[in-house]
């Protein structure tokens, strides 16, 4: 018989929409020579 584990929903990721400025935006960040910057071009398609 394997040992039982307990999962707590409040630990880790909580589902929901988060404000961009609180999760990704860091105004004081400065790029480094080793950073990889990418740009994507999206072509709109009718009906999508």
PDB file of N, CA and C in Angstrom:
ATOM      1  N   UNK A   1       0.846  -1.184   0.000  1.00  0.00           N
ATOM      2  CA  UNK A   1       0.000   0.000   0.000  1.00  0.00           C
ATOM      3  C   UNK A   1       0.891   1.247   0.000  1.00  0.00           C
ATOM      4  N   UNK A   2       0.606   2.183  -0.920  1.00  0.00           N
ATOM      5  CA  UNK A   2       1.433   3.387  -1.007  1.00  0.00           C
ATOM      6  C   UNK A   2       0.976   4.417   0.026  1.00  0.00           C
ATOM      7  N   UNK A   3       1.904   5.267   0.471  1.00  0.00           N
ATOM      8  CA  UNK A   3       1.537   6.286   1.467  1.00  0.00           C
ATOM      9  C   UNK A   3       0.590   7.319   0.856  1.00  0.00           C
ATOM     10  N   UNK A   4      -0.299   7.830   1.677  1.00  0.00           N
ATOM     11  CA  UNK A   4      -1.251   8.838   1.210  1.00  0.00           C
ATOM     12  C   UNK A   4      -0.638  10.228   1.335  1.00  0.00           C
ATOM     13  N   UNK A   5      -0.972  11.068   0.387  1.00  0.00           N
ATOM     14  CA  UNK A   5      -0.516  12.460   0.436  1.00  0.00           C
ATOM     15  C   UNK A   5      -1.732  13.371   0.450  1.00  0.00           C
ATOM     16  N   UNK A   6      -1.535  14.552   0.955  1.00  0.00           N
ATOM     17  CA  UNK A   6      -2.622  15.519   1.045  1.00  0.00           C
ATOM     18  C   UNK A   6      -2.298  16.711   0.159  1.00  0.00           C
ATOM     19  N   UNK A   7      -3.258  17.137  -0.641  1.00  0.00           N
ATOM     20  CA  UNK A   7      -3.074  18.282  -1.526  1.00  0.00           C
ATOM     21  C   UNK A   7      -3.846  19.473  -0.984  1.00  0.00           C
ATOM     22  N   UNK A   8      -3.168  20.607  -0.944  1.00  0.00           N
ATOM     23  CA  UNK A   8      -3.816  21.828  -0.465  1.00  0.00           C
ATOM     24  C   UNK A   8      -4.047  22.750  -1.652  1.00  0.00           C
ATOM     25  N   UNK A   9      -5.277  23.162  -1.862  1.00  0.00           N
ATOM     26  CA  UNK A   9      -5.623  24.007  -3.005  1.00  0.00           C
ATOM     27  C   UNK A   9      -5.046  25.414  -2.882  1.00  0.00           C
ATOM     28  N   UNK A  10      -4.808  25.873  -1.680  1.00  0.00           N
ATOM     29  CA  UNK A  10      -4.339  27.246  -1.503  1.00  0.00           C
ATOM     30  C   UNK A  10      -2.843  27.403  -1.771  1.00  0.00           C
ATOM     31  N   UNK A  11      -2.129  26.312  -1.951  1.00  0.00           N
ATOM     32  CA  UNK A  11      -0.692  26.370  -2.191  1.00  0.00           C
ATOM     33  C   UNK A  11      -0.443  26.365  -3.695  1.00  0.00           C
ATOM     34  N   UNK A  12       0.443  27.222  -4.181  1.00  0.00           N
ATOM     35  CA  UNK A  12       0.788  27.239  -5.591  1.00  0.00           C
ATOM     36  C   UNK A  12      -0.088  28.168  -6.400  1.00  0.00           C
ATOM     37  N   UNK A  13      -0.444  27.732  -7.588  1.00  0.00           N
ATOM     38  CA  UNK A  13      -1.187  28.567  -8.538  1.00  0.00           C
ATOM     39  C   UNK A  13      -2.659  28.652  -8.181  1.00  0.00           C
ATOM     40  N   UNK A  14      -3.184  29.858  -8.204  1.00  0.00           N
ATOM     41  CA  UNK A  14      -4.618  30.067  -8.020  1.00  0.00           C
ATOM     42  C   UNK A  14      -5.203  30.494  -9.356  1.00  0.00           C
ATOM     43  N   UNK A  15      -6.269  29.841  -9.756  1.00  0.00           N
ATOM     44  CA  UNK A  15      -6.896  30.153 -11.038  1.00  0.00           C
ATOM     45  C   UNK A  15      -7.523  31.541 -11.002  1.00  0.00           C
ATOM     46  N   UNK A  16      -7.584  32.162 -12.161  1.00  0.00           N
ATOM     47  CA  UNK A  16      -8.209  33.473 -12.255  1.00  0.00           C
ATOM     48  C   UNK A  16      -7.373  34.428 -13.083  1.00  0.00           C
ATOM     49  N   UNK A  17      -7.925  35.565 -13.371  1.00  0.00           N
ATOM     50  CA  UNK A  17      -7.233  36.577 -14.162  1.00  0.00           C
ATOM     51  C   UNK A  17      -6.450  37.472 -13.217  1.00  0.00           C
ATOM     52  N   UNK A  18      -5.178  37.644 -13.535  1.00  0.00           N
ATOM     53  CA  UNK A  18      -4.331  38.491 -12.703  1.00  0.00           C
ATOM     54  C   UNK A  18      -3.976  39.755 -13.469  1.00  0.00           C
ATOM     55  N   UNK A  19      -3.793  40.825 -12.752  1.00  0.00           N
ATOM     56  CA  UNK A  19      -3.417  42.089 -13.357  1.00  0.00           C
ATOM     57  C   UNK A  19      -2.014  41.974 -13.954  1.00  0.00           C
ATOM     58  N   UNK A  20      -1.833  42.425 -15.195  1.00  0.00           N
ATOM     59  CA  UNK A  20      -0.551  42.320 -15.885  1.00  0.00           C
ATOM     60  C   UNK A  20       0.575  42.969 -15.089  1.00  0.00           C
ATOM     61  N   UNK A  21       0.318  44.145 -14.540  1.00  0.00           N
ATOM     62  CA  UNK A  21       1.377  44.874 -13.843  1.00  0.00           C
ATOM     63  C   UNK A  21       1.855  44.151 -12.587  1.00  0.00           C
ATOM     64  N   UNK A  22       1.033  43.293 -12.010  1.00  0.00           N
ATOM     65  CA  UNK A  22       1.431  42.583 -10.797  1.00  0.00           C
ATOM     66  C   UNK A  22       2.190  41.293 -11.086  1.00  0.00           C
ATOM     67  N   UNK A  23       2.074  40.765 -12.300  1.00  0.00           N
ATOM     68  CA  UNK A  23       2.689  39.469 -12.576  1.00  0.00           C
ATOM     69  C   UNK A  23       3.851  39.513 -13.554  1.00  0.00           C
ATOM     70  N   UNK A  24       3.833  40.415 -14.529  1.00  0.00           N
ATOM     71  CA  UNK A  24       4.864  40.402 -15.568  1.00  0.00           C
ATOM     72  C   UNK A  24       5.647  41.700 -15.694  1.00  0.00           C
ATOM     73  N   UNK A  25       4.998  42.820 -15.520  1.00  0.00           N
ATOM     74  CA  UNK A  25       5.613  44.112 -15.803  1.00  0.00           C
ATOM     75  C   UNK A  25       6.604  44.508 -14.719  1.00  0.00           C
ATOM     76  N   UNK A  26       7.862  44.722 -15.121  1.00  0.00           N
ATOM     77  CA  UNK A  26       8.900  45.162 -14.198  1.00  0.00           C
ATOM     78  C   UNK A  26       9.590  46.373 -14.817  1.00  0.00           C
ATOM     79  N   UNK A  27       9.164  47.594 -14.477  1.00  0.00           N
ATOM     80  CA  UNK A  27       9.693  48.788 -15.141  1.00  0.00           C
ATOM     81  C   UNK A  27      11.190  49.006 -14.940  1.00  0.00           C
ATOM     82  N   UNK A  28      11.757  48.552 -13.844  1.00  0.00           N
ATOM     83  CA  UNK A  28      13.182  48.784 -13.592  1.00  0.00           C
ATOM     84  C   UNK A  28      14.098  47.742 -14.238  1.00  0.00           C
ATOM     85  N   UNK A  29      13.521  46.761 -14.936  1.00  0.00           N
ATOM     86  CA  UNK A  29      14.327  45.709 -15.566  1.00  0.00           C
ATOM     87  C   UNK A  29      15.145  46.269 -16.715  1.00  0.00           C
ATOM     88  N   UNK A  30      16.410  45.878 -16.778  1.00  0.00           N
ATOM     89  CA  UNK A  30      17.284  46.265 -17.877  1.00  0.00           C
ATOM     90  C   UNK A  30      17.724  45.003 -18.605  1.00  0.00           C
ATOM     91  N   UNK A  31      17.657  45.046 -19.941  1.00  0.00           N
ATOM     92  CA  UNK A  31      18.036  43.863 -20.710  1.00  0.00           C
ATOM     93  C   UNK A  31      19.529  43.588 -20.571  1.00  0.00           C
ATOM     94  N   UNK A  32      19.852  42.304 -20.645  1.00  0.00           N
ATOM     95  CA  UNK A  32      21.240  41.859 -20.562  1.00  0.00           C
ATOM     96  C   UNK A  32      21.668  41.329 -21.930  1.00  0.00           C
ATOM     97  N   UNK A  33      22.953  41.259 -22.202  1.00  0.00           N
ATOM     98  CA  UNK A  33      23.411  40.735 -23.498  1.00  0.00           C
ATOM     99  C   UNK A  33      22.966  39.292 -23.750  1.00  0.00           C
ATOM    100  N   UNK A  34      22.672  38.550 -22.693  1.00  0.00           N
ATOM    101  CA  UNK A  34      22.272  37.150 -22.851  1.00  0.00           C
ATOM    102  C   UNK A  34      20.762  36.965 -22.995  1.00  0.00           C
ATOM    103  N   UNK A  35      19.979  38.032 -22.867  1.00  0.00           N
ATOM    104  CA  UNK A  35      18.523  37.931 -23.007  1.00  0.00           C
ATOM    105  C   UNK A  35      18.148  37.638 -24.459  1.00  0.00           C
ATOM    106  N   UNK A  36      17.087  36.891 -24.626  1.00  0.00           N
ATOM    107  CA  UNK A  36      16.562  36.603 -25.957  1.00  0.00           C
ATOM    108  C   UNK A  36      15.250  37.368 -26.113  1.00  0.00           C
ATOM    109  N   UNK A  37      15.226  38.251 -27.095  1.00  0.00           N
ATOM    110  CA  UNK A  37      14.020  39.030 -27.368  1.00  0.00           C
ATOM    111  C   UNK A  37      13.384  38.488 -28.646  1.00  0.00           C
ATOM    112  N   UNK A  38      12.084  38.349 -28.647  1.00  0.00           N
ATOM    113  CA  UNK A  38      11.392  37.795 -29.808  1.00  0.00           C
ATOM    114  C   UNK A  38      10.208  38.669 -30.188  1.00  0.00           C
ATOM    115  N   UNK A  39       9.919  38.699 -31.479  1.00  0.00           N
ATOM    116  CA  UNK A  39       8.744  39.409 -31.986  1.00  0.00           C
ATOM    117  C   UNK A  39       7.995  38.466 -32.918  1.00  0.00           C
ATOM    118  N   UNK A  40       6.681  38.506 -32.858  1.00  0.00           N
ATOM    119  CA  UNK A  40       5.861  37.628 -33.681  1.00  0.00           C
ATOM    120  C   UNK A  40       4.923  38.467 -34.533  1.00  0.00           C
ATOM    121  N   UNK A  41       4.798  38.074 -35.771  1.00  0.00           N
ATOM    122  CA  UNK A  41       3.878  38.760 -36.673  1.00  0.00           C
ATOM    123  C   UNK A  41       2.658  37.861 -36.867  1.00  0.00           C
ATOM    124  N   UNK A  42       1.495  38.400 -36.578  1.00  0.00           N
ATOM    125  CA  UNK A  42       0.257  37.634 -36.702  1.00  0.00           C
ATOM    126  C   UNK A  42      -0.554  38.222 -37.845  1.00  0.00           C
ATOM    127  N   UNK A  43      -0.885  37.388 -38.812  1.00  0.00           N
ATOM    128  CA  UNK A  43      -1.696  37.821 -39.939  1.00  0.00           C
ATOM    129  C   UNK A  43      -3.148  37.450 -39.676  1.00  0.00           C
ATOM    130  N   UNK A  44      -4.037  38.440 -39.629  1.00  0.00           N
ATOM    131  CA  UNK A  44      -5.444  38.132 -39.378  1.00  0.00           C
ATOM    132  C   UNK A  44      -6.031  37.259 -40.489  1.00  0.00           C
ATOM    133  N   UNK A  45      -6.865  36.318 -40.105  1.00  0.00           N
ATOM    134  CA  UNK A  45      -7.523  35.444 -41.065  1.00  0.00           C
ATOM    135  C   UNK A  45      -9.030  35.635 -40.946  1.00  0.00           C
ATOM    136  N   UNK A  46      -9.708  35.790 -42.065  1.00  0.00           N
ATOM    137  CA  UNK A  46     -11.150  35.987 -42.003  1.00  0.00           C
ATOM    138  C   UNK A  46     -11.855  34.779 -41.383  1.00  0.00           C
ATOM    139  N   UNK A  47     -12.797  35.052 -40.521  1.00  0.00           N
ATOM    140  CA  UNK A  47     -13.572  33.987 -39.900  1.00  0.00           C
ATOM    141  C   UNK A  47     -12.939  33.365 -38.680  1.00  0.00           C
ATOM    142  N   UNK A  48     -11.767  33.854 -38.291  1.00  0.00           N
ATOM    143  CA  UNK A  48     -11.099  33.275 -37.111  1.00  0.00           C
ATOM    144  C   UNK A  48     -11.147  34.267 -35.978  1.00  0.00           C
TER     145      UNK A  48
END
